[in-house]
Amino acid sequence: MVGSPRAGARRRLASSLVRSPGVEIHRGRAGSVVLANRVHGTRMQASLAIRELLAFFEQPRTLRELRAAYTVPAGVIDALVDGLFLIDPMH
């Protein structure tokens, strides 16, 4: 996956996250998809499982809710936030 916070840059994730409007999911190479945010111009290649994760965030959800429902590898949520695929619903 693409995108981890810049070295030394520390940020707090929002208390809840939601799928960003304008996120499109396209077929990638075997076993993968390409996420594209047409509003922000970001793209990222990911596994097919990301579709279910993004569907989970169709409505605002907390990270606690996420951890109760899924086991997500380290860095995945950070990459989705960095790429503006998941955003703070208050913005």
PDB file of N, CA and C in Angstrom:
ATOM      1  N   MET A   1       0.825  -1.175   0.000  1.00  0.00           N
ATOM      2  CA  MET A   1       0.000   0.000   0.000  1.00  0.00           C
ATOM      3  C   MET A   1       0.871   1.239   0.000  1.00  0.00           C
ATOM      4  N   VAL A   2       0.318   2.286  -0.494  1.00  0.00           N
ATOM      5  CA  VAL A   2       1.032   3.544  -0.603  1.00  0.00           C
ATOM      6  C   VAL A   2       0.723   4.407   0.597  1.00  0.00           C
ATOM      7  N   GLY A   3       1.699   5.193   0.980  1.00  0.00           N
ATOM      8  CA  GLY A   3       1.419   6.274   1.916  1.00  0.00           C
ATOM      9  C   GLY A   3       1.494   5.925   3.370  1.00  0.00           C
ATOM     10  N   SER A   4       2.551   6.333   3.969  1.00  0.00           N
ATOM     11  CA  SER A   4       2.619   6.335   5.419  1.00  0.00           C
ATOM     12  C   SER A   4       2.974   7.759   5.797  1.00  0.00           C
ATOM     13  N   PRO A   5       2.707   8.142   7.028  1.00  0.00           N
ATOM     14  CA  PRO A   5       3.008   9.531   7.389  1.00  0.00           C
ATOM     15  C   PRO A   5       4.475   9.855   7.158  1.00  0.00           C
ATOM     16  N   ARG A   6       4.749  11.084   6.786  1.00  0.00           N
ATOM     17  CA  ARG A   6       6.132  11.505   6.570  1.00  0.00           C
ATOM     18  C   ARG A   6       6.930  11.295   7.847  1.00  0.00           C
ATOM     19  N   ALA A   7       8.208  10.999   7.662  1.00  0.00           N
ATOM     20  CA  ALA A   7       9.089  10.752   8.797  1.00  0.00           C
ATOM     21  C   ALA A   7       8.968  11.898   9.793  1.00  0.00           C
ATOM     22  N   GLY A   8       8.731  11.556  11.014  1.00  0.00           N
ATOM     23  CA  GLY A   8       8.635  12.539  12.073  1.00  0.00           C
ATOM     24  C   GLY A   8       7.280  13.210  12.186  1.00  0.00           C
ATOM     25  N   ALA A   9       6.447  13.044  11.202  1.00  0.00           N
ATOM     26  CA  ALA A   9       5.120  13.687  11.247  1.00  0.00           C
ATOM     27  C   ALA A   9       4.180  12.808  12.056  1.00  0.00           C
ATOM     28  N   ARG A  10       3.663  13.341  13.114  1.00  0.00           N
ATOM     29  CA  ARG A  10       2.713  12.606  13.953  1.00  0.00           C
ATOM     30  C   ARG A  10       1.380  13.302  13.878  1.00  0.00           C
ATOM     31  N   ARG A  11       0.338  12.547  13.650  1.00  0.00           N
ATOM     32  CA  ARG A  11      -0.992  13.131  13.642  1.00  0.00           C
ATOM     33  C   ARG A  11      -1.928  12.166  14.324  1.00  0.00           C
ATOM     34  N   ARG A  12      -2.987  12.704  14.848  1.00  0.00           N
ATOM     35  CA  ARG A  12      -4.012  11.878  15.468  1.00  0.00           C
ATOM     36  C   ARG A  12      -5.103  11.645  14.451  1.00  0.00           C
ATOM     37  N   LEU A  13      -5.576  10.412  14.405  1.00  0.00           N
ATOM     38  CA  LEU A  13      -6.714  10.121  13.547  1.00  0.00           C
ATOM     39  C   LEU A  13      -7.960  10.734  14.166  1.00  0.00           C
ATOM     40  N   ALA A  14      -8.898  11.067  13.332  1.00  0.00           N
ATOM     41  CA  ALA A  14     -10.172  11.593  13.810  1.00  0.00           C
ATOM     42  C   ALA A  14     -10.843  10.553  14.689  1.00  0.00           C
ATOM     43  N   SER A  15     -11.725  10.998  15.563  1.00  0.00           N
ATOM     44  CA  SER A  15     -12.424  10.053  16.440  1.00  0.00           C
ATOM     45  C   SER A  15     -13.314   9.118  15.641  1.00  0.00           C
ATOM     46  N   SER A  16     -13.790   9.574  14.483  1.00  0.00           N
ATOM     47  CA  SER A  16     -14.514   8.685  13.580  1.00  0.00           C
ATOM     48  C   SER A  16     -14.089   9.010  12.156  1.00  0.00           C
ATOM     49  N   LEU A  17     -14.277   8.042  11.277  1.00  0.00           N
ATOM     50  CA  LEU A  17     -13.898   8.182   9.878  1.00  0.00           C
ATOM     51  C   LEU A  17     -15.056   7.735   9.003  1.00  0.00           C
ATOM     52  N   VAL A  18     -15.082   8.252   7.779  1.00  0.00           N
ATOM     53  CA  VAL A  18     -16.099   7.884   6.806  1.00  0.00           C
ATOM     54  C   VAL A  18     -15.420   7.825   5.433  1.00  0.00           C
ATOM     55  N   ARG A  19     -15.984   7.006   4.544  1.00  0.00           N
ATOM     56  CA  ARG A  19     -15.461   6.925   3.182  1.00  0.00           C
ATOM     57  C   ARG A  19     -15.647   8.284   2.506  1.00  0.00           C
ATOM     58  N   SER A  20     -14.602   8.753   1.880  1.00  0.00           N
ATOM     59  CA  SER A  20     -14.627  10.043   1.203  1.00  0.00           C
ATOM     60  C   SER A  20     -15.520   9.985  -0.029  1.00  0.00           C
ATOM     61  N   PRO A  21     -16.290  11.039  -0.286  1.00  0.00           N
ATOM     62  CA  PRO A  21     -17.069  11.063  -1.530  1.00  0.00           C
ATOM     63  C   PRO A  21     -16.106  11.070  -2.719  1.00  0.00           C
ATOM     64  N   GLY A  22     -16.494  10.461  -3.784  1.00  0.00           N
ATOM     65  CA  GLY A  22     -15.647  10.456  -4.972  1.00  0.00           C
ATOM     66  C   GLY A  22     -14.663   9.315  -5.045  1.00  0.00           C
ATOM     67  N   VAL A  23     -14.697   8.393  -4.085  1.00  0.00           N
ATOM     68  CA  VAL A  23     -13.792   7.243  -4.125  1.00  0.00           C
ATOM     69  C   VAL A  23     -14.357   6.221  -5.103  1.00  0.00           C
ATOM     70  N   GLU A  24     -13.516   5.819  -6.036  1.00  0.00           N
ATOM     71  CA  GLU A  24     -13.873   4.799  -7.009  1.00  0.00           C
ATOM     72  C   GLU A  24     -12.951   3.604  -6.829  1.00  0.00           C
ATOM     73  N   ILE A  25     -13.471   2.425  -7.118  1.00  0.00           N
ATOM     74  CA  ILE A  25     -12.678   1.201  -7.018  1.00  0.00           C
ATOM     75  C   ILE A  25     -12.641   0.569  -8.404  1.00  0.00           C
ATOM     76  N   HIS A  26     -11.430   0.367  -8.924  1.00  0.00           N
ATOM     77  CA  HIS A  26     -11.231  -0.214 -10.245  1.00  0.00           C
ATOM     78  C   HIS A  26     -10.454  -1.518 -10.116  1.00  0.00           C
ATOM     79  N   ARG A  27     -10.663  -2.413 -11.048  1.00  0.00           N
ATOM     80  CA  ARG A  27      -9.883  -3.654 -11.050  1.00  0.00           C
ATOM     81  C   ARG A  27      -8.425  -3.336 -11.306  1.00  0.00           C
ATOM     82  N   GLY A  28      -7.586  -4.017 -10.557  1.00  0.00           N
ATOM     83  CA  GLY A  28      -6.153  -3.899 -10.746  1.00  0.00           C
ATOM     84  C   GLY A  28      -5.634  -5.200 -11.320  1.00  0.00           C
ATOM     85  N   ARG A  29      -4.410  -5.489 -11.059  1.00  0.00           N
ATOM     86  CA  ARG A  29      -3.832  -6.768 -11.466  1.00  0.00           C
ATOM     87  C   ARG A  29      -4.447  -7.867 -10.627  1.00  0.00           C
ATOM     88  N   ALA A  30      -4.188  -9.082 -10.975  1.00  0.00           N
ATOM     89  CA  ALA A  30      -4.783 -10.236 -10.291  1.00  0.00           C
ATOM     90  C   ALA A  30      -4.723 -10.070  -8.772  1.00  0.00           C
ATOM     91  N   GLY A  31      -5.890 -10.160  -8.150  1.00  0.00           N
ATOM     92  CA  GLY A  31      -5.962 -10.094  -6.698  1.00  0.00           C
ATOM     93  C   GLY A  31      -5.841  -8.712  -6.107  1.00  0.00           C
ATOM     94  N   SER A  32      -5.986  -7.677  -6.938  1.00  0.00           N
ATOM     95  CA  SER A  32      -5.870  -6.330  -6.387  1.00  0.00           C
ATOM     96  C   SER A  32      -6.894  -5.402  -7.030  1.00  0.00           C
ATOM     97  N   VAL A  33      -7.041  -4.249  -6.429  1.00  0.00           N
ATOM     98  CA  VAL A  33      -7.877  -3.180  -6.959  1.00  0.00           C
ATOM     99  C   VAL A  33      -7.079  -1.885  -6.900  1.00  0.00           C
ATOM    100  N   VAL A  34      -7.538  -0.908  -7.640  1.00  0.00           N
ATOM    101  CA  VAL A  34      -6.952   0.429  -7.580  1.00  0.00           C
ATOM    102  C   VAL A  34      -8.025   1.364  -7.041  1.00  0.00           C
ATOM    103  N   LEU A  35      -7.711   2.037  -5.954  1.00  0.00           N
ATOM    104  CA  LEU A  35      -8.601   3.048  -5.394  1.00  0.00           C
ATOM    105  C   LEU A  35      -8.243   4.382  -6.043  1.00  0.00           C
ATOM    106  N   ALA A  36      -9.246   5.123  -6.432  1.00  0.00           N
ATOM    107  CA  ALA A  36      -9.025   6.444  -7.003  1.00  0.00           C
ATOM    108  C   ALA A  36      -9.996   7.416  -6.342  1.00  0.00           C
ATOM    109  N   ASN A  37      -9.472   8.505  -5.854  1.00  0.00           N
ATOM    110  CA  ASN A  37     -10.316   9.557  -5.302  1.00  0.00           C
ATOM    111  C   ASN A  37     -10.355  10.664  -6.342  1.00  0.00           C
ATOM    112  N   ARG A  38     -11.456  10.727  -7.092  1.00  0.00           N
ATOM    113  CA  ARG A  38     -11.539  11.686  -8.193  1.00  0.00           C
ATOM    114  C   ARG A  38     -11.600  13.125  -7.704  1.00  0.00           C
ATOM    115  N   VAL A  39     -12.001  13.352  -6.465  1.00  0.00           N
ATOM    116  CA  VAL A  39     -12.059  14.708  -5.920  1.00  0.00           C
ATOM    117  C   VAL A  39     -10.656  15.222  -5.590  1.00  0.00           C
ATOM    118  N   HIS A  40      -9.834  14.365  -4.988  1.00  0.00           N
ATOM    119  CA  HIS A  40      -8.506  14.782  -4.525  1.00  0.00           C
ATOM    120  C   HIS A  40      -7.375  14.346  -5.444  1.00  0.00           C
ATOM    121  N   GLY A  41      -7.676  13.495  -6.434  1.00  0.00           N
ATOM    122  CA  GLY A  41      -6.651  13.065  -7.379  1.00  0.00           C
ATOM    123  C   GLY A  41      -5.664  12.053  -6.818  1.00  0.00           C
ATOM    124  N   THR A  42      -6.042  11.331  -5.771  1.00  0.00           N
ATOM    125  CA  THR A  42      -5.144  10.325  -5.200  1.00  0.00           C
ATOM    126  C   THR A  42      -5.508   8.942  -5.723  1.00  0.00           C
ATOM    127  N   ARG A  43      -4.506   8.065  -5.784  1.00  0.00           N
ATOM    128  CA  ARG A  43      -4.686   6.678  -6.227  1.00  0.00           C
ATOM    129  C   ARG A  43      -3.859   5.772  -5.334  1.00  0.00           C
ATOM    130  N   MET A  44      -4.322   4.542  -5.206  1.00  0.00           N
ATOM    131  CA  MET A  44      -3.608   3.569  -4.390  1.00  0.00           C
ATOM    132  C   MET A  44      -4.001   2.170  -4.828  1.00  0.00           C
ATOM    133  N   GLN A  45      -3.043   1.276  -4.922  1.00  0.00           N
ATOM    134  CA  GLN A  45      -3.327  -0.121  -5.206  1.00  0.00           C
ATOM    135  C   GLN A  45      -3.489  -0.848  -3.883  1.00  0.00           C
ATOM    136  N   ALA A  46      -4.461  -1.760  -3.823  1.00  0.00           N
ATOM    137  CA  ALA A  46      -4.744  -2.476  -2.580  1.00  0.00           C
ATOM    138  C   ALA A  46      -5.288  -3.869  -2.908  1.00  0.00           C
ATOM    139  N   SER A  47      -5.418  -4.681  -1.879  1.00  0.00           N
ATOM    140  CA  SER A  47      -5.987  -6.013  -2.057  1.00  0.00           C
ATOM    141  C   SER A  47      -7.500  -5.912  -2.231  1.00  0.00           C
ATOM    142  N   LEU A  48      -8.095  -6.975  -2.719  1.00  0.00           N
ATOM    143  CA  LEU A  48      -9.548  -7.010  -2.910  1.00  0.00           C
ATOM    144  C   LEU A  48     -10.306  -6.789  -1.604  1.00  0.00           C
ATOM    145  N   ALA A  49      -9.714  -7.165  -0.489  1.00  0.00           N
ATOM    146  CA  ALA A  49     -10.370  -7.034   0.815  1.00  0.00           C
ATOM    147  C   ALA A  49     -10.681  -5.579   1.171  1.00  0.00           C
ATOM    148  N   ILE A  50     -10.023  -4.649   0.525  1.00  0.00           N
ATOM    149  CA  ILE A  50     -10.239  -3.238   0.851  1.00  0.00           C
ATOM    150  C   ILE A  50     -11.666  -2.810   0.525  1.00  0.00           C
ATOM    151  N   ARG A  51     -12.303  -3.482  -0.428  1.00  0.00           N
ATOM    152  CA  ARG A  51     -13.688  -3.128  -0.773  1.00  0.00           C
ATOM    153  C   ARG A  51     -14.607  -3.284   0.428  1.00  0.00           C
ATOM    154  N   GLU A  52     -14.446  -4.387   1.158  1.00  0.00           N
ATOM    155  CA  GLU A  52     -15.283  -4.624   2.342  1.00  0.00           C
ATOM    156  C   GLU A  52     -14.986  -3.587   3.423  1.00  0.00           C
ATOM    157  N   LEU A  53     -13.732  -3.242   3.576  1.00  0.00           N
ATOM    158  CA  LEU A  53     -13.345  -2.251   4.574  1.00  0.00           C
ATOM    159  C   LEU A  53     -13.940  -0.879   4.234  1.00  0.00           C
ATOM    160  N   LEU A  54     -13.880  -0.474   2.977  1.00  0.00           N
ATOM    161  CA  LEU A  54     -14.467   0.806   2.583  1.00  0.00           C
ATOM    162  C   LEU A  54     -15.987   0.790   2.724  1.00  0.00           C
ATOM    163  N   ALA A  55     -16.609  -0.352   2.464  1.00  0.00           N
ATOM    164  CA  ALA A  55     -18.062  -0.468   2.653  1.00  0.00           C
ATOM    165  C   ALA A  55     -18.428  -0.273   4.126  1.00  0.00           C
ATOM    166  N   PHE A  56     -17.573  -0.758   5.024  1.00  0.00           N
ATOM    167  CA  PHE A  56     -17.788  -0.590   6.461  1.00  0.00           C
ATOM    168  C   PHE A  56     -17.862   0.897   6.823  1.00  0.00           C
ATOM    169  N   PHE A  57     -17.077   1.713   6.123  1.00  0.00           N
ATOM    170  CA  PHE A  57     -17.009   3.144   6.411  1.00  0.00           C
ATOM    171  C   PHE A  57     -17.967   3.971   5.563  1.00  0.00           C
ATOM    172  N   GLU A  58     -19.006   3.352   5.011  1.00  0.00           N
ATOM    173  CA  GLU A  58     -20.028   4.122   4.286  1.00  0.00           C
ATOM    174  C   GLU A  58     -20.737   5.091   5.232  1.00  0.00           C
ATOM    175  N   GLN A  59     -20.805   4.740   6.484  1.00  0.00           N
ATOM    176  CA  GLN A  59     -21.313   5.654   7.512  1.00  0.00           C
ATOM    177  C   GLN A  59     -20.184   5.881   8.504  1.00  0.00           C
ATOM    178  N   PRO A  60     -20.171   6.996   9.222  1.00  0.00           N
ATOM    179  CA  PRO A  60     -19.083   7.257  10.164  1.00  0.00           C
ATOM    180  C   PRO A  60     -18.931   6.121  11.176  1.00  0.00           C
ATOM    181  N   ARG A  61     -17.695   5.708  11.366  1.00  0.00           N
ATOM    182  CA  ARG A  61     -17.361   4.629  12.307  1.00  0.00           C
ATOM    183  C   ARG A  61     -16.109   5.009  13.076  1.00  0.00           C
ATOM    184  N   THR A  62     -16.024   4.523  14.299  1.00  0.00           N
ATOM    185  CA  THR A  62     -14.833   4.748  15.117  1.00  0.00           C
ATOM    186  C   THR A  62     -13.833   3.623  14.875  1.00  0.00           C
ATOM    187  N   LEU A  63     -12.600   3.874  15.271  1.00  0.00           N
ATOM    188  CA  LEU A  63     -11.583   2.827  15.174  1.00  0.00           C
ATOM    189  C   LEU A  63     -11.904   1.677  16.125  1.00  0.00           C
ATOM    190  N   ARG A  64     -12.555   1.971  17.222  1.00  0.00           N
ATOM    191  CA  ARG A  64     -12.977   0.916  18.154  1.00  0.00           C
ATOM    192  C   ARG A  64     -13.975  -0.015  17.463  1.00  0.00           C
ATOM    193  N   GLU A  65     -14.933   0.559  16.732  1.00  0.00           N
ATOM    194  CA  GLU A  65     -15.894  -0.252  15.982  1.00  0.00           C
ATOM    195  C   GLU A  65     -15.183  -1.095  14.917  1.00  0.00           C
ATOM    196  N   LEU A  66     -14.205  -0.486  14.273  1.00  0.00           N
ATOM    197  CA  LEU A  66     -13.443  -1.211  13.260  1.00  0.00           C
ATOM    198  C   LEU A  66     -12.733  -2.412  13.866  1.00  0.00           C
ATOM    199  N   ARG A  67     -12.035  -2.184  14.978  1.00  0.00           N
ATOM    200  CA  ARG A  67     -11.292  -3.285  15.625  1.00  0.00           C
ATOM    201  C   ARG A  67     -12.214  -4.391  16.124  1.00  0.00           C
ATOM    202  N   ALA A  68     -13.440  -4.049  16.494  1.00  0.00           N
ATOM    203  CA  ALA A  68     -14.397  -5.060  16.937  1.00  0.00           C
ATOM    204  C   ALA A  68     -14.896  -5.909  15.767  1.00  0.00           C
ATOM    205  N   ALA A  69     -14.876  -5.344  14.567  1.00  0.00           N
ATOM    206  CA  ALA A  69     -15.425  -6.047  13.402  1.00  0.00           C
ATOM    207  C   ALA A  69     -14.364  -6.709  12.526  1.00  0.00           C
ATOM    208  N   TYR A  70     -13.154  -6.161  12.479  1.00  0.00           N
ATOM    209  CA  TYR A  70     -12.114  -6.634  11.557  1.00  0.00           C
ATOM    210  C   TYR A  70     -10.755  -6.652  12.220  1.00  0.00           C
ATOM    211  N   THR A  71      -9.883  -7.472  11.668  1.00  0.00           N
ATOM    212  CA  THR A  71      -8.463  -7.420  11.982  1.00  0.00           C
ATOM    213  C   THR A  71      -7.805  -6.759  10.784  1.00  0.00           C
ATOM    214  N   VAL A  72      -7.292  -5.567  10.982  1.00  0.00           N
ATOM    215  CA  VAL A  72      -6.719  -4.792   9.887  1.00  0.00           C
ATOM    216  C   VAL A  72      -5.214  -4.676  10.105  1.00  0.00           C
ATOM    217  N   PRO A  73      -4.419  -5.036   9.105  1.00  0.00           N
ATOM    218  CA  PRO A  73      -2.961  -4.926   9.250  1.00  0.00           C
ATOM    219  C   PRO A  73      -2.528  -3.487   9.576  1.00  0.00           C
ATOM    220  N   ALA A  74      -1.454  -3.391  10.314  1.00  0.00           N
ATOM    221  CA  ALA A  74      -0.906  -2.085  10.687  1.00  0.00           C
ATOM    222  C   ALA A  74      -0.649  -1.251   9.444  1.00  0.00           C
ATOM    223  N   GLY A  75      -0.960   0.004   9.518  1.00  0.00           N
ATOM    224  CA  GLY A  75      -0.678   0.938   8.438  1.00  0.00           C
ATOM    225  C   GLY A  75      -1.775   1.094   7.401  1.00  0.00           C
ATOM    226  N   VAL A  76      -2.729   0.178   7.370  1.00  0.00           N
ATOM    227  CA  VAL A  76      -3.780   0.241   6.345  1.00  0.00           C
ATOM    228  C   VAL A  76      -4.656   1.476   6.535  1.00  0.00           C
ATOM    229  N   ILE A  77      -5.119   1.702   7.741  1.00  0.00           N
ATOM    230  CA  ILE A  77      -5.985   2.861   7.983  1.00  0.00           C
ATOM    231  C   ILE A  77      -5.210   4.153   7.757  1.00  0.00           C
ATOM    232  N   ASP A  78      -3.962   4.207   8.211  1.00  0.00           N
ATOM    233  CA  ASP A  78      -3.136   5.399   7.967  1.00  0.00           C
ATOM    234  C   ASP A  78      -3.009   5.669   6.471  1.00  0.00           C
ATOM    235  N   ALA A  79      -2.786   4.628   5.675  1.00  0.00           N
ATOM    236  CA  ALA A  79      -2.646   4.801   4.225  1.00  0.00           C
ATOM    237  C   ALA A  79      -3.948   5.306   3.609  1.00  0.00           C
ATOM    238  N   LEU A  80      -5.083   4.789   4.086  1.00  0.00           N
ATOM    239  CA  LEU A  80      -6.376   5.240   3.559  1.00  0.00           C
ATOM    240  C   LEU A  80      -6.668   6.691   3.943  1.00  0.00           C
ATOM    241  N   VAL A  81      -6.255   7.088   5.131  1.00  0.00           N
ATOM    242  CA  VAL A  81      -6.431   8.484   5.567  1.00  0.00           C
ATOM    243  C   VAL A  81      -5.460   9.389   4.807  1.00  0.00           C
ATOM    244  N   ASP A  82      -4.203   8.968   4.682  1.00  0.00           N
ATOM    245  CA  ASP A  82      -3.210   9.773   3.956  1.00  0.00           C
ATOM    246  C   ASP A  82      -3.629   9.998   2.509  1.00  0.00           C
ATOM    247  N   GLY A  83      -4.253   8.988   1.893  1.00  0.00           N
ATOM    248  CA  GLY A  83      -4.702   9.105   0.510  1.00  0.00           C
ATOM    249  C   GLY A  83      -6.059   9.764   0.365  1.00  0.00           C
ATOM    250  N   LEU A  84      -6.638  10.188   1.489  1.00  0.00           N
ATOM    251  CA  LEU A  84      -7.951  10.843   1.530  1.00  0.00           C
ATOM    252  C   LEU A  84      -9.081   9.939   1.034  1.00  0.00           C
ATOM    253  N   PHE A  85      -8.925   8.631   1.256  1.00  0.00           N
ATOM    254  CA  PHE A  85      -9.990   7.681   0.954  1.00  0.00           C
ATOM    255  C   PHE A  85     -10.932   7.558   2.151  1.00  0.00           C
ATOM    256  N   LEU A  86     -10.403   7.778   3.344  1.00  0.00           N
ATOM    257  CA  LEU A  86     -11.193   7.890   4.573  1.00  0.00           C
ATOM    258  C   LEU A  86     -10.931   9.279   5.135  1.00  0.00           C
ATOM    259  N   ILE A  87     -12.002   9.928   5.560  1.00  0.00           N
ATOM    260  CA  ILE A  87     -11.860  11.302   6.054  1.00  0.00           C
ATOM    261  C   ILE A  87     -12.655  11.472   7.353  1.00  0.00           C
ATOM    262  N   ASP A  88     -12.368  12.544   8.028  1.00  0.00           N
ATOM    263  CA  ASP A  88     -13.117  12.937   9.225  1.00  0.00           C
ATOM    264  C   ASP A  88     -14.489  13.422   8.747  1.00  0.00           C
ATOM    265  N   PRO A  89     -15.573  12.831   9.228  1.00  0.00           N
ATOM    266  CA  PRO A  89     -16.906  13.248   8.760  1.00  0.00           C
ATOM    267  C   PRO A  89     -17.270  14.678   9.165  1.00  0.00           C
ATOM    268  N   MET A  90     -16.534  15.269  10.077  1.00  0.00           N
ATOM    269  CA  MET A  90     -16.818  16.632  10.522  1.00  0.00           C
ATOM    270  C   MET A  90     -16.236  17.689   9.588  1.00  0.00           C
ATOM    271  N   HIS A  91     -15.472  17.283   8.582  1.00  0.00           N
ATOM    272  CA  HIS A  91     -14.881  18.268   7.644  1.00  0.00           C
ATOM    273  C   HIS A  91     -15.694  18.367   6.396  1.00  0.00           C
TER     274      HIS A  91
END
